[in-house]
C-alpha atoms as a PDB file:
ATOM      1  CA  MET A   1     -55.071 -28.643 -68.284  1.00  0.00           C
ATOM      2  CA  VAL A   2     -56.924 -25.088 -69.669  1.00  0.00           C
ATOM      3  CA  GLU A   3     -54.452 -23.014 -68.652  1.00  0.00           C
ATOM      4  CA  LEU A   4     -51.590 -25.112 -70.386  1.00  0.00           C
ATOM      5  CA  SER A   5     -53.930 -25.392 -73.313  1.00  0.00           C
ATOM      6  CA  ARG A   6     -54.415 -21.720 -73.868  1.00  0.00           C
ATOM      7  CA  ARG A   7     -50.727 -21.024 -73.022  1.00  0.00           C
ATOM      8  CA  GLY A   8     -50.378 -23.441 -76.369  1.00  0.00           C
ATOM      9  CA  LYS A   9     -47.948 -26.244 -74.310  1.00  0.00           C
ATOM     10  CA  ASP A  10     -48.313 -29.843 -74.455  1.00  0.00           C
ATOM     11  CA  VAL A  11     -50.763 -31.225 -71.859  1.00  0.00           C
ATOM     12  CA  ASP A  12     -49.657 -35.316 -70.162  1.00  0.00           C
ATOM     13  CA  LEU A  13     -53.239 -36.381 -70.142  1.00  0.00           C
ATOM     14  CA  ASN A  14     -51.430 -39.806 -68.628  1.00  0.00           C
ATOM     15  CA  ALA A  15     -49.872 -38.012 -66.201  1.00  0.00           C
ATOM     16  CA  LEU A  16     -52.843 -35.580 -65.337  1.00  0.00           C
ATOM     17  CA  LYS A  17     -55.249 -38.545 -65.399  1.00  0.00           C
ATOM     18  CA  SER A  18     -53.449 -40.225 -62.630  1.00  0.00           C
ATOM     19  CA  ALA A  19     -52.170 -37.293 -60.754  1.00  0.00           C
ATOM     20  CA  ALA A  20     -56.207 -36.844 -60.304  1.00  0.00           C
ATOM     21  CA  CYS A  21     -56.876 -40.462 -59.332  1.00  0.00           C
ATOM     22  CA  ARG A  22     -53.800 -40.184 -56.467  1.00  0.00           C
ATOM     23  CA  LYS A  23     -55.178 -36.867 -55.618  1.00  0.00           C
ATOM     24  CA  TYR A  24     -58.962 -38.158 -55.201  1.00  0.00           C
ATOM     25  CA  GLY A  25     -58.641 -41.527 -53.993  1.00  0.00           C
ATOM     26  CA  LEU A  26     -60.599 -42.926 -57.324  1.00  0.00           C
ATOM     27  CA  SER A  27     -59.407 -46.630 -58.406  1.00  0.00           C
ATOM     28  CA  ARG A  28     -59.509 -45.740 -61.911  1.00  0.00           C
ATOM     29  CA  ALA A  29     -59.050 -43.328 -64.310  1.00  0.00           C
ATOM     30  CA  ARG A  30     -62.296 -41.638 -66.120  1.00  0.00           C
ATOM     31  CA  LYS A  31     -62.200 -42.725 -70.084  1.00  0.00           C
ATOM     32  CA  LEU A  32     -61.696 -39.969 -73.013  1.00  0.00           C
ATOM     33  CA  VAL A  33     -65.615 -40.019 -73.689  1.00  0.00           C
ATOM     34  CA  GLU A  34     -66.854 -39.393 -70.324  1.00  0.00           C
ATOM     35  CA  MET A  35     -64.165 -36.729 -69.760  1.00  0.00           C
ATOM     36  CA  ILE A  36     -65.186 -35.059 -73.234  1.00  0.00           C
ATOM     37  CA  ALA A  37     -68.993 -35.367 -72.016  1.00  0.00           C
ATOM     38  CA  ALA A  38     -67.686 -33.674 -68.880  1.00  0.00           C
ATOM     39  CA  LEU A  39     -66.352 -30.773 -70.942  1.00  0.00           C
ATOM     40  CA  PRO A  40     -67.946 -27.118 -70.018  1.00  0.00           C
ATOM     41  CA  ASP A  41     -68.805 -25.709 -73.319  1.00  0.00           C
ATOM     42  CA  SER A  42     -66.739 -22.580 -72.905  1.00  0.00           C
ATOM     43  CA  GLU A  43     -63.633 -25.071 -72.615  1.00  0.00           C
ATOM     44  CA  ARG A  44     -64.665 -27.265 -75.559  1.00  0.00           C
ATOM     45  CA  GLU A  45     -63.009 -25.655 -78.140  1.00  0.00           C
ATOM     46  CA  THR A  46     -60.059 -25.662 -76.188  1.00  0.00           C
ATOM     47  CA  LEU A  47     -59.517 -29.100 -75.073  1.00  0.00           C
ATOM     48  CA  LEU A  48     -61.274 -31.023 -77.406  1.00  0.00           C
ATOM     49  CA  PRO A  49     -58.053 -31.371 -79.853  1.00  0.00           C
ATOM     50  CA  LYS A  50     -56.266 -32.322 -76.854  1.00  0.00           C
ATOM     51  CA  LEU A  51     -58.422 -35.073 -75.893  1.00  0.00           C
ATOM     52  CA  ARG A  52     -59.333 -36.899 -79.158  1.00  0.00           C
ATOM     53  CA  ALA A  53     -58.607 -40.311 -79.149  1.00  0.00           C
ATOM     54  CA  LYS A  54     -55.428 -41.607 -81.321  1.00  0.00           C
ATOM     55  CA  PRO A  55     -55.875 -43.691 -83.983  1.00  0.00           C
ATOM     56  CA  VAL A  56     -55.672 -47.845 -83.524  1.00  0.00           C
ATOM     57  CA  ARG A  57     -53.625 -50.591 -85.268  1.00  0.00           C
ATOM     58  CA  THR A  58     -55.737 -52.327 -87.784  1.00  0.00           C
ATOM     59  CA  ALA A  59     -56.053 -55.836 -87.321  1.00  0.00           C
ATOM     60  CA  SER A  60     -53.674 -56.682 -89.833  1.00  0.00           C
ATOM     61  CA  ASP A  61     -51.241 -54.288 -88.477  1.00  0.00           C
ATOM     62  CA  TYR A  62     -51.677 -56.581 -84.972  1.00  0.00           C
ATOM     63  CA  ARG A  63     -51.445 -59.943 -86.699  1.00  0.00           C
ATOM     64  CA  ASP A  64     -48.209 -59.135 -88.335  1.00  0.00           C
ATOM     65  CA  TYR A  65     -46.853 -57.635 -84.683  1.00  0.00           C
ATOM     66  CA  PHE A  66     -47.803 -61.076 -83.465  1.00  0.00           C
ATOM     67  CA  ILE A  67     -46.371 -63.037 -85.692  1.00  0.00           C
ATOM     68  CA  ARG A  68     -43.282 -61.463 -86.340  1.00  0.00           C
ATOM     69  CA  ASN A  69     -42.168 -61.041 -82.949  1.00  0.00           C
ATOM     70  CA  LEU A  70     -43.250 -64.606 -81.712  1.00  0.00           C
ATOM     71  CA  HIS A  71     -41.103 -66.092 -84.637  1.00  0.00           C
ATOM     72  CA  ASP A  72     -38.486 -63.399 -83.413  1.00  0.00           C
ATOM     73  CA  ALA A  73     -38.621 -65.075 -79.971  1.00  0.00           C
ATOM     74  CA  LEU A  74     -38.623 -68.598 -81.247  1.00  0.00           C
ATOM     75  CA  SER A  75     -36.313 -68.225 -83.552  1.00  0.00           C
ATOM     76  CA  GLY A  76     -33.857 -65.533 -82.416  1.00  0.00           C
ATOM     77  CA  HIS A  77     -33.866 -63.622 -85.626  1.00  0.00           C
ATOM     78  CA  THR A  78     -35.148 -60.165 -86.223  1.00  0.00           C
ATOM     79  CA  SER A  79     -37.516 -59.707 -88.740  1.00  0.00           C
ATOM     80  CA  ALA A  80     -38.945 -56.280 -90.195  1.00  0.00           C
ATOM     81  CA  ASN A  81     -42.477 -57.714 -91.412  1.00  0.00           C
ATOM     82  CA  VAL A  82     -43.567 -61.623 -91.388  1.00  0.00           C
ATOM     83  CA  LYS A  83     -42.545 -62.090 -95.058  1.00  0.00           C
ATOM     84  CA  THR A  84     -39.000 -61.679 -93.934  1.00  0.00           C
END
């Protein structure tokens, strides 16, 4: 991951975590918080931007998504949002 980041290449973090789990027989992948805490200071500046968590949906977005998909599944229609 360090070498790819230094070369400016995109890193598929999920693929790397899965490969590490298989290689070392881990039952679960490490959480991002655990990975960030374990970063050596020399690599922190390079890797931290790649490990930052992505923004999550807000509760209202999930509500709209859930209701819209439930409605579409039951009615056979396709909705753009809850109000449509």
